[in-house]
Amino acid sequence: MKKNKEELYLRIIDQMPNPIWRAGLDAKCDFFNKSWLNFTGRTMEQEMGNGWTEGVFEEDFDNCLKTYLDAFKKEQAFEMEYRLKHKDGTYHWILDSGSPFYDDKGVFAGYIGSCYDINESKEYELLFSNMAGGFAYHKIITNELNEPIDYQFIDVNPFFEKIINKKRKDIIGKKVTEVLPGIKKDPANWIKKYGQIAQNGKSMMFENYSEILQKWFSVSAYSPKKNYFITIFEDITEIKNKLVEIEKMNKLMINRELKMIKLKKELKDAKMKSK
């Protein structure tokens, strides 16, 4: 009876759409379902024991093994991300969640793990985190007349934190009027401008000065879907300040040139009168 139950259990997890593995008391894997084998393109025999580790990306190997063995010794659930070799030869980011399982008598019998291919979201996350500009994703907030009155931060990257000098935990989920009090009085009228983008699905590029932050920004903004918008910021304060200095220098040079022209004319007129 026990054997029949185990066989049924294995048949069920073998049909699961996500990769699944199982390990015994020796911490070595003794089962992989079809989805795992289809992902790696390897056979059950190749993956058994520690064979599956051959597909783990070299830089992730030590942390992957340590996380697994540390949890195994404590009989604790774990979750980790690592890169696993796909059958096409590329490495995909995997989210691997493992949990201890117990027999009918409550005795620890090993581990079972379920994996998810998070490659697309991970690549987005890495790109997002390493962008040289400030990136923020928002949702517009409107009143009963559907007029934009505020917006909420959904996500930001580390560079955006630096731009406004606030931590992620103090930004995400908050309204801009909470994060940057006084923004409604800013002449740049950020809320109205972003509201038009979020509601009309337009994209826009512009330069604006923020009185609150006392900085100049070059902004690219667009709406991925109605009532949501994304902004990419570049702090151009230094460039603007240099342009102002250059403009001042140009004005000084022009004024000097005009004075020289005037002086030459006056000298010429004086010379003509003396004749």
C-alpha atoms as a PDB file:
ATOM      1  CA  MET A   1       0.000   0.000   0.000  1.00  0.00           C
ATOM      2  CA  LYS A   2       2.803   2.373   0.963  1.00  0.00           C
ATOM      3  CA  LYS A   3       4.607   1.627  -2.310  1.00  0.00           C
ATOM      4  CA  ASN A   4       1.436   2.328  -4.311  1.00  0.00           C
ATOM      5  CA  LYS A   5       0.997   5.682  -2.561  1.00  0.00           C
ATOM      6  CA  GLU A   6       4.588   6.634  -3.317  1.00  0.00           C
ATOM      7  CA  GLU A   7       4.236   5.653  -6.961  1.00  0.00           C
ATOM      8  CA  LEU A   8       1.050   7.715  -7.262  1.00  0.00           C
ATOM      9  CA  TYR A   9       2.788  10.656  -5.588  1.00  0.00           C
ATOM     10  CA  LEU A  10       5.721  10.431  -8.031  1.00  0.00           C
ATOM     11  CA  ARG A  11       3.378  10.198 -11.042  1.00  0.00           C
ATOM     12  CA  ILE A  12       1.588  13.332  -9.912  1.00  0.00           C
ATOM     13  CA  ILE A  13       4.716  15.439  -9.437  1.00  0.00           C
ATOM     14  CA  ASP A  14       6.164  14.023 -12.659  1.00  0.00           C
ATOM     15  CA  GLN A  15       3.337  15.763 -14.530  1.00  0.00           C
ATOM     16  CA  MET A  16       3.741  19.107 -12.776  1.00  0.00           C
ATOM     17  CA  PRO A  17       4.534  21.957 -15.200  1.00  0.00           C
ATOM     18  CA  ASN A  18       7.434  23.353 -13.162  1.00  0.00           C
ATOM     19  CA  PRO A  19      10.767  21.567 -12.508  1.00  0.00           C
ATOM     20  CA  ILE A  20      10.705  19.505  -9.291  1.00  0.00           C
ATOM     21  CA  TRP A  21      13.425  17.552  -7.482  1.00  0.00           C
ATOM     22  CA  ARG A  22      13.586  15.287  -4.436  1.00  0.00           C
ATOM     23  CA  ALA A  23      16.473  14.385  -2.132  1.00  0.00           C
ATOM     24  CA  GLY A  24      16.878  11.601   0.423  1.00  0.00           C
ATOM     25  CA  LEU A  25      18.460  11.568   3.887  1.00  0.00           C
ATOM     26  CA  ASP A  26      21.956  11.771   2.378  1.00  0.00           C
ATOM     27  CA  ALA A  27      21.037  15.157   0.815  1.00  0.00           C
ATOM     28  CA  LYS A  28      21.570  13.683  -2.651  1.00  0.00           C
ATOM     29  CA  CYS A  29      18.833  13.947  -5.251  1.00  0.00           C
ATOM     30  CA  ASP A  30      16.983  10.742  -6.118  1.00  0.00           C
ATOM     31  CA  PHE A  31      14.222  12.071  -8.376  1.00  0.00           C
ATOM     32  CA  PHE A  32      13.603  14.773 -10.993  1.00  0.00           C
ATOM     33  CA  ASN A  33      10.315  15.250 -12.805  1.00  0.00           C
ATOM     34  CA  LYS A  34       9.852  15.529 -16.566  1.00  0.00           C
ATOM     35  CA  SER A  35       9.822  19.331 -16.503  1.00  0.00           C
ATOM     36  CA  TRP A  36      13.263  19.403 -14.894  1.00  0.00           C
ATOM     37  CA  LEU A  37      14.677  16.933 -17.404  1.00  0.00           C
ATOM     38  CA  ASN A  38      13.056  18.798 -20.305  1.00  0.00           C
ATOM     39  CA  PHE A  39      14.623  22.018 -19.050  1.00  0.00           C
ATOM     40  CA  THR A  40      18.172  20.657 -18.682  1.00  0.00           C
ATOM     41  CA  GLY A  41      18.010  18.236 -21.604  1.00  0.00           C
ATOM     42  CA  ARG A  42      19.713  15.594 -19.460  1.00  0.00           C
ATOM     43  CA  THR A  43      18.684  12.126 -18.353  1.00  0.00           C
ATOM     44  CA  MET A  44      17.569  11.049 -14.903  1.00  0.00           C
ATOM     45  CA  GLU A  45      20.824   9.085 -14.519  1.00  0.00           C
ATOM     46  CA  GLN A  46      22.928  12.158 -15.313  1.00  0.00           C
ATOM     47  CA  GLU A  47      21.091  14.332 -12.771  1.00  0.00           C
ATOM     48  CA  MET A  48      20.893  11.783  -9.938  1.00  0.00           C
ATOM     49  CA  GLY A  49      22.954  12.267  -6.770  1.00  0.00           C
ATOM     50  CA  ASN A  50      25.035  15.415  -7.239  1.00  0.00           C
ATOM     51  CA  GLY A  51      24.949  15.210 -11.024  1.00  0.00           C
ATOM     52  CA  TRP A  52      22.512  18.114 -11.280  1.00  0.00           C
ATOM     53  CA  THR A  53      25.169  20.467  -9.863  1.00  0.00           C
ATOM     54  CA  GLU A  54      27.114  20.142 -13.127  1.00  0.00           C
ATOM     55  CA  GLY A  55      24.535  22.505 -14.634  1.00  0.00           C
ATOM     56  CA  VAL A  56      24.868  25.208 -11.972  1.00  0.00           C
ATOM     57  CA  PHE A  57      26.695  28.338 -13.125  1.00  0.00           C
ATOM     58  CA  GLU A  58      30.227  28.367 -11.697  1.00  0.00           C
ATOM     59  CA  GLU A  59      29.875  31.713  -9.893  1.00  0.00           C
ATOM     60  CA  ASP A  60      26.653  30.557  -8.194  1.00  0.00           C
ATOM     61  CA  PHE A  61      27.813  27.072  -7.224  1.00  0.00           C
ATOM     62  CA  ASP A  62      29.300  27.715  -3.754  1.00  0.00           C
ATOM     63  CA  ASN A  63      26.392  29.810  -2.509  1.00  0.00           C
ATOM     64  CA  CYS A  64      23.858  27.395  -4.000  1.00  0.00           C
ATOM     65  CA  LEU A  65      25.406  24.376  -2.267  1.00  0.00           C
ATOM     66  CA  LYS A  66      25.912  26.198   1.043  1.00  0.00           C
ATOM     67  CA  THR A  67      22.312  27.416   1.147  1.00  0.00           C
ATOM     68  CA  TYR A  68      21.011  23.926   0.434  1.00  0.00           C
ATOM     69  CA  LEU A  69      23.239  22.060   2.917  1.00  0.00           C
ATOM     70  CA  ASP A  70      22.769  24.623   5.712  1.00  0.00           C
ATOM     71  CA  ALA A  71      18.985  24.336   5.406  1.00  0.00           C
ATOM     72  CA  PHE A  72      19.200  20.540   5.155  1.00  0.00           C
ATOM     73  CA  LYS A  73      21.122  20.242   8.436  1.00  0.00           C
ATOM     74  CA  LYS A  74      18.527  22.369  10.222  1.00  0.00           C
ATOM     75  CA  GLU A  75      15.549  20.782   8.426  1.00  0.00           C
ATOM     76  CA  GLN A  76      14.411  24.248   7.382  1.00  0.00           C
ATOM     77  CA  ALA A  77      12.725  25.489   4.227  1.00  0.00           C
ATOM     78  CA  PHE A  78      14.879  27.612   1.933  1.00  0.00           C
ATOM     79  CA  GLU A  79      14.635  29.724  -1.179  1.00  0.00           C
ATOM     80  CA  MET A  80      17.509  30.648  -3.446  1.00  0.00           C
ATOM     81  CA  GLU A  81      18.256  32.009  -6.893  1.00  0.00           C
ATOM     82  CA  TYR A  82      20.965  30.611  -9.154  1.00  0.00           C
ATOM     83  CA  ARG A  83      21.719  30.120 -12.813  1.00  0.00           C
ATOM     84  CA  LEU A  84      21.100  26.658 -14.271  1.00  0.00           C
ATOM     85  CA  LYS A  85      22.182  25.492 -17.702  1.00  0.00           C
ATOM     86  CA  HIS A  86      19.291  25.149 -20.138  1.00  0.00           C
ATOM     87  CA  LYS A  87      19.250  22.481 -22.838  1.00  0.00           C
ATOM     88  CA  ASP A  88      19.952  25.189 -25.447  1.00  0.00           C
ATOM     89  CA  GLY A  89      23.312  25.899 -23.783  1.00  0.00           C
ATOM     90  CA  THR A  90      22.352  29.184 -22.135  1.00  0.00           C
ATOM     91  CA  TYR A  91      22.034  29.758 -18.394  1.00  0.00           C
ATOM     92  CA  HIS A  92      18.671  30.716 -16.935  1.00  0.00           C
ATOM     93  CA  TRP A  93      18.019  32.261 -13.536  1.00  0.00           C
ATOM     94  CA  ILE A  94      16.058  29.796 -11.389  1.00  0.00           C
ATOM     95  CA  LEU A  95      14.093  30.406  -8.195  1.00  0.00           C
ATOM     96  CA  ASP A  96      14.431  27.180  -6.206  1.00  0.00           C
ATOM     97  CA  SER A  97      12.230  26.627  -3.136  1.00  0.00           C
ATOM     98  CA  GLY A  98      12.993  23.578  -1.011  1.00  0.00           C
ATOM     99  CA  SER A  99      11.147  22.124   1.983  1.00  0.00           C
ATOM    100  CA  PRO A 100      11.768  19.147   4.280  1.00  0.00           C
ATOM    101  CA  PHE A 101       9.235  16.308   4.090  1.00  0.00           C
ATOM    102  CA  TYR A 102       8.377  13.651   6.659  1.00  0.00           C
ATOM    103  CA  ASP A 103       7.055  10.100   6.594  1.00  0.00           C
ATOM    104  CA  ASP A 104       3.758   8.891   8.085  1.00  0.00           C
ATOM    105  CA  LYS A 105       5.359   8.770  11.548  1.00  0.00           C
ATOM    106  CA  GLY A 106       6.643  12.331  11.352  1.00  0.00           C
ATOM    107  CA  VAL A 107      10.259  11.291  10.806  1.00  0.00           C
ATOM    108  CA  PHE A 108      12.390  13.488   8.551  1.00  0.00           C
ATOM    109  CA  ALA A 109      12.734  11.754   5.187  1.00  0.00           C
ATOM    110  CA  GLY A 110      14.477  14.294   2.964  1.00  0.00           C
ATOM    111  CA  TYR A 111      13.693  17.347   0.859  1.00  0.00           C
ATOM    112  CA  ILE A 112      11.522  18.268  -2.063  1.00  0.00           C
ATOM    113  CA  GLY A 113      12.039  21.348  -4.188  1.00  0.00           C
ATOM    114  CA  SER A 114      10.063  23.278  -6.776  1.00  0.00           C
ATOM    115  CA  CYS A 115      11.707  25.589  -9.320  1.00  0.00           C
ATOM    116  CA  TYR A 116      10.602  28.490 -11.491  1.00  0.00           C
ATOM    117  CA  ASP A 117      12.359  30.028 -14.476  1.00  0.00           C
ATOM    118  CA  ILE A 118      12.727  33.716 -13.529  1.00  0.00           C
ATOM    119  CA  ASN A 119      15.236  34.585 -16.226  1.00  0.00           C
ATOM    120  CA  GLU A 120      13.233  37.379 -17.855  1.00  0.00           C
ATOM    121  CA  SER A 121      12.338  39.096 -14.596  1.00  0.00           C
ATOM    122  CA  LYS A 122      15.905  38.666 -13.278  1.00  0.00           C
ATOM    123  CA  GLU A 123      17.435  40.206 -16.388  1.00  0.00           C
ATOM    124  CA  TYR A 124      14.988  43.075 -16.078  1.00  0.00           C
ATOM    125  CA  GLU A 125      15.910  43.456 -12.404  1.00  0.00           C
ATOM    126  CA  LEU A 126      19.649  43.519 -13.159  1.00  0.00           C
ATOM    127  CA  LEU A 127      19.189  46.017 -15.994  1.00  0.00           C
ATOM    128  CA  PHE A 128      16.887  48.093 -13.822  1.00  0.00           C
ATOM    129  CA  SER A 129      19.329  48.116 -10.872  1.00  0.00           C
ATOM    130  CA  ASN A 130      22.382  48.965 -12.963  1.00  0.00           C
ATOM    131  CA  MET A 131      20.868  51.752 -15.044  1.00  0.00           C
ATOM    132  CA  ALA A 132      22.973  54.905 -15.074  1.00  0.00           C
ATOM    133  CA  GLY A 133      19.825  57.012 -14.737  1.00  0.00           C
ATOM    134  CA  GLY A 134      16.998  57.179 -12.241  1.00  0.00           C
ATOM    135  CA  PHE A 135      14.115  54.845 -13.062  1.00  0.00           C
ATOM    136  CA  ALA A 136      10.697  54.922 -11.399  1.00  0.00           C
ATOM    137  CA  TYR A 137       7.368  53.207 -12.031  1.00  0.00           C
ATOM    138  CA  HIS A 138       4.172  54.880 -10.814  1.00  0.00           C
ATOM    139  CA  LYS A 139       0.413  54.760 -10.713  1.00  0.00           C
ATOM    140  CA  ILE A 140      -1.517  57.991 -11.164  1.00  0.00           C
ATOM    141  CA  ILE A 141      -4.146  58.897  -8.554  1.00  0.00           C
ATOM    142  CA  THR A 142      -7.219  60.874  -9.626  1.00  0.00           C
ATOM    143  CA  ASN A 143     -10.179  62.574  -7.936  1.00  0.00           C
ATOM    144  CA  GLU A 144     -13.888  61.945  -8.596  1.00  0.00           C
ATOM    145  CA  LEU A 145     -13.606  64.045 -11.777  1.00  0.00           C
ATOM    146  CA  ASN A 146     -10.756  61.826 -13.015  1.00  0.00           C
ATOM    147  CA  GLU A 147      -8.283  64.671 -12.608  1.00  0.00           C
ATOM    148  CA  PRO A 148      -4.723  63.712 -11.568  1.00  0.00           C
ATOM    149  CA  ILE A 149      -4.087  64.810  -7.975  1.00  0.00           C
ATOM    150  CA  ASP A 150      -1.195  62.563  -6.917  1.00  0.00           C
ATOM    151  CA  TYR A 151       0.775  59.476  -7.900  1.00  0.00           C
ATOM    152  CA  GLN A 152       2.100  56.425  -6.096  1.00  0.00           C
ATOM    153  CA  PHE A 153       5.561  54.863  -6.394  1.00  0.00           C
ATOM    154  CA  ILE A 154       5.476  51.199  -7.423  1.00  0.00           C
ATOM    155  CA  ASP A 155       9.175  50.635  -8.033  1.00  0.00           C
ATOM    156  CA  VAL A 156      12.423  52.596  -8.210  1.00  0.00           C
ATOM    157  CA  ASN A 157      16.042  51.733  -8.903  1.00  0.00           C
ATOM    158  CA  PRO A 158      19.085  52.578  -6.710  1.00  0.00           C
ATOM    159  CA  PHE A 159      20.011  55.589  -8.850  1.00  0.00           C
ATOM    160  CA  PHE A 160      16.587  57.119  -8.246  1.00  0.00           C
ATOM    161  CA  GLU A 161      17.161  56.749  -4.487  1.00  0.00           C
ATOM    162  CA  LYS A 162      20.346  58.813  -4.877  1.00  0.00           C
ATOM    163  CA  ILE A 163      18.607  61.474  -6.939  1.00  0.00           C
ATOM    164  CA  ILE A 164      15.989  62.248  -4.291  1.00  0.00           C
ATOM    165  CA  ASN A 165      18.213  61.243  -1.356  1.00  0.00           C
ATOM    166  CA  LYS A 166      15.702  58.788   0.116  1.00  0.00           C
ATOM    167  CA  LYS A 167      15.755  55.044   0.800  1.00  0.00           C
ATOM    168  CA  ARG A 168      13.657  52.588  -1.189  1.00  0.00           C
ATOM    169  CA  LYS A 169      11.661  51.617   1.930  1.00  0.00           C
ATOM    170  CA  ASP A 170      10.627  55.255   2.300  1.00  0.00           C
ATOM    171  CA  ILE A 171       9.496  55.506  -1.327  1.00  0.00           C
ATOM    172  CA  ILE A 172       7.754  52.311  -2.467  1.00  0.00           C
ATOM    173  CA  GLY A 173       3.993  52.330  -1.904  1.00  0.00           C
ATOM    174  CA  LYS A 174       4.027  56.009  -0.896  1.00  0.00           C
ATOM    175  CA  LYS A 175       2.408  58.937  -2.680  1.00  0.00           C
ATOM    176  CA  VAL A 176       4.676  61.544  -4.191  1.00  0.00           C
ATOM    177  CA  THR A 177       3.057  64.160  -1.921  1.00  0.00           C
ATOM    178  CA  GLU A 178       4.302  62.064   1.017  1.00  0.00           C
ATOM    179  CA  VAL A 179       7.768  61.464  -0.389  1.00  0.00           C
ATOM    180  CA  LEU A 180       8.237  65.043  -1.636  1.00  0.00           C
ATOM    181  CA  PRO A 181       5.978  67.338   0.403  1.00  0.00           C
ATOM    182  CA  GLY A 182       5.314  70.597  -1.401  1.00  0.00           C
ATOM    183  CA  ILE A 183       5.501  69.108  -4.885  1.00  0.00           C
ATOM    184  CA  LYS A 184       2.027  70.451  -5.701  1.00  0.00           C
ATOM    185  CA  LYS A 185       3.432  73.990  -5.445  1.00  0.00           C
ATOM    186  CA  ASP A 186       6.349  73.243  -7.765  1.00  0.00           C
ATOM    187  CA  PRO A 187       6.029  75.417 -10.929  1.00  0.00           C
ATOM    188  CA  ALA A 188       7.033  72.386 -13.027  1.00  0.00           C
ATOM    189  CA  ASN A 189       3.561  70.945 -12.285  1.00  0.00           C
ATOM    190  CA  TRP A 190       4.851  67.367 -12.268  1.00  0.00           C
ATOM    191  CA  ILE A 191       1.557  65.713 -11.247  1.00  0.00           C
ATOM    192  CA  LYS A 192      -0.488  67.285 -14.039  1.00  0.00           C
ATOM    193  CA  LYS A 193       2.162  66.530 -16.658  1.00  0.00           C
ATOM    194  CA  TYR A 194       2.513  62.885 -15.603  1.00  0.00           C
ATOM    195  CA  GLY A 195      -1.266  62.572 -15.349  1.00  0.00           C
ATOM    196  CA  GLN A 196      -1.612  63.488 -19.020  1.00  0.00           C
ATOM    197  CA  ILE A 197       0.967  60.856 -19.942  1.00  0.00           C
ATOM    198  CA  ALA A 198      -0.649  58.125 -17.797  1.00  0.00           C
ATOM    199  CA  GLN A 199      -4.197  58.830 -18.950  1.00  0.00           C
ATOM    200  CA  ASN A 200      -3.546  59.469 -22.639  1.00  0.00           C
ATOM    201  CA  GLY A 201      -0.831  56.897 -23.231  1.00  0.00           C
ATOM    202  CA  LYS A 202       1.551  59.505 -24.621  1.00  0.00           C
ATOM    203  CA  SER A 203       5.318  59.555 -24.310  1.00  0.00           C
ATOM    204  CA  MET A 204       7.209  62.737 -23.571  1.00  0.00           C
ATOM    205  CA  MET A 205      10.771  64.018 -23.243  1.00  0.00           C
ATOM    206  CA  PHE A 206      11.455  67.286 -21.477  1.00  0.00           C
ATOM    207  CA  GLU A 207      13.777  69.222 -19.183  1.00  0.00           C
ATOM    208  CA  ASN A 208      12.500  70.691 -15.936  1.00  0.00           C
ATOM    209  CA  TYR A 209      13.869  72.303 -12.812  1.00  0.00           C
ATOM    210  CA  SER A 210      12.681  70.893  -9.491  1.00  0.00           C
ATOM    211  CA  GLU A 211      12.475  73.577  -6.848  1.00  0.00           C
ATOM    212  CA  ILE A 212      12.070  70.961  -4.107  1.00  0.00           C
ATOM    213  CA  LEU A 213      15.266  69.106  -5.026  1.00  0.00           C
ATOM    214  CA  GLN A 214      16.950  72.191  -6.499  1.00  0.00           C
ATOM    215  CA  LYS A 215      18.098  70.207  -9.491  1.00  0.00           C
ATOM    216  CA  TRP A 216      17.636  70.187 -13.242  1.00  0.00           C
ATOM    217  CA  PHE A 217      16.399  66.943 -14.809  1.00  0.00           C
ATOM    218  CA  SER A 218      16.171  65.525 -18.293  1.00  0.00           C
ATOM    219  CA  VAL A 219      13.095  63.277 -18.212  1.00  0.00           C
ATOM    220  CA  SER A 220      11.778  60.560 -20.524  1.00  0.00           C
ATOM    221  CA  ALA A 221       8.272  59.453 -19.567  1.00  0.00           C
ATOM    222  CA  TYR A 222       5.798  57.015 -21.085  1.00  0.00           C
ATOM    223  CA  SER A 223       2.757  54.958 -20.137  1.00  0.00           C
ATOM    224  CA  PRO A 224       2.949  51.124 -20.406  1.00  0.00           C
ATOM    225  CA  LYS A 225      -0.787  50.925 -19.635  1.00  0.00           C
ATOM    226  CA  LYS A 226      -3.604  53.299 -18.701  1.00  0.00           C
ATOM    227  CA  ASN A 227      -3.116  55.162 -15.402  1.00  0.00           C
ATOM    228  CA  TYR A 228       0.484  53.955 -15.045  1.00  0.00           C
ATOM    229  CA  PHE A 229       3.665  55.661 -16.146  1.00  0.00           C
ATOM    230  CA  ILE A 230       7.419  55.169 -16.152  1.00  0.00           C
ATOM    231  CA  THR A 231      10.011  57.895 -15.827  1.00  0.00           C
ATOM    232  CA  ILE A 232      13.728  57.814 -16.566  1.00  0.00           C
ATOM    233  CA  PHE A 233      15.620  60.698 -14.977  1.00  0.00           C
ATOM    234  CA  GLU A 234      19.023  62.160 -15.685  1.00  0.00           C
ATOM    235  CA  ASP A 235      20.404  64.805 -13.360  1.00  0.00           C
ATOM    236  CA  ILE A 236      21.646  67.563 -15.687  1.00  0.00           C
ATOM    237  CA  THR A 237      22.167  70.205 -12.992  1.00  0.00           C
ATOM    238  CA  GLU A 238      25.927  70.357 -13.535  1.00  0.00           C
ATOM    239  CA  ILE A 239      25.494  70.683 -17.295  1.00  0.00           C
ATOM    240  CA  LYS A 240      22.899  73.420 -16.848  1.00  0.00           C
ATOM    241  CA  ASN A 241      25.146  75.299 -14.419  1.00  0.00           C
ATOM    242  CA  LYS A 242      28.018  75.126 -16.902  1.00  0.00           C
ATOM    243  CA  LEU A 243      25.762  76.416 -19.672  1.00  0.00           C
ATOM    244  CA  VAL A 244      24.710  79.299 -17.441  1.00  0.00           C
ATOM    245  CA  GLU A 245      28.368  80.102 -16.792  1.00  0.00           C
ATOM    246  CA  ILE A 246      29.154  79.924 -20.507  1.00  0.00           C
ATOM    247  CA  GLU A 247      26.188  82.204 -21.234  1.00  0.00           C
ATOM    248  CA  LYS A 248      27.431  84.697 -18.643  1.00  0.00           C
ATOM    249  CA  MET A 249      30.914  84.603 -20.175  1.00  0.00           C
ATOM    250  CA  ASN A 250      29.446  85.113 -23.643  1.00  0.00           C
ATOM    251  CA  LYS A 251      27.431  88.096 -22.419  1.00  0.00           C
ATOM    252  CA  LEU A 252      30.532  89.596 -20.820  1.00  0.00           C
ATOM    253  CA  MET A 253      32.507  89.133 -24.020  1.00  0.00           C
ATOM    254  CA  ILE A 254      29.698  90.599 -26.110  1.00  0.00           C
ATOM    255  CA  ASN A 255      29.394  93.577 -23.740  1.00  0.00           C
ATOM    256  CA  ARG A 256      33.151  94.141 -23.907  1.00  0.00           C
ATOM    257  CA  GLU A 257      33.037  93.952 -27.681  1.00  0.00           C
ATOM    258  CA  LEU A 258      30.154  96.436 -27.797  1.00  0.00           C
ATOM    259  CA  LYS A 259      32.021  98.779 -25.454  1.00  0.00           C
ATOM    260  CA  MET A 260      35.127  98.536 -27.645  1.00  0.00           C
ATOM    261  CA  ILE A 261      33.050  99.308 -30.735  1.00  0.00           C
ATOM    262  CA  LYS A 262      31.445 102.244 -28.949  1.00  0.00           C
ATOM    263  CA  LEU A 263      34.827 103.491 -27.734  1.00  0.00           C
ATOM    264  CA  LYS A 264      36.330 103.241 -31.213  1.00  0.00           C
ATOM    265  CA  LYS A 265      33.378 105.166 -32.619  1.00  0.00           C
ATOM    266  CA  GLU A 266      33.722 107.848 -29.966  1.00  0.00           C
ATOM    267  CA  LEU A 267      37.462 108.172 -30.674  1.00  0.00           C
ATOM    268  CA  LYS A 268      36.765 108.352 -34.390  1.00  0.00           C
ATOM    269  CA  ASP A 269      34.091 111.033 -33.893  1.00  0.00           C
ATOM    270  CA  ALA A 270      36.392 113.021 -31.592  1.00  0.00           C
ATOM    271  CA  LYS A 271      39.152 112.815 -34.159  1.00  0.00           C
ATOM    272  CA  MET A 272      36.823 114.046 -36.902  1.00  0.00           C
ATOM    273  CA  LYS A 273      35.729 117.010 -34.785  1.00  0.00           C
ATOM    274  CA  SER A 274      39.301 118.036 -34.051  1.00  0.00           C
ATOM    275  CA  LYS A 275      40.107 118.475 -37.723  1.00  0.00           C
END
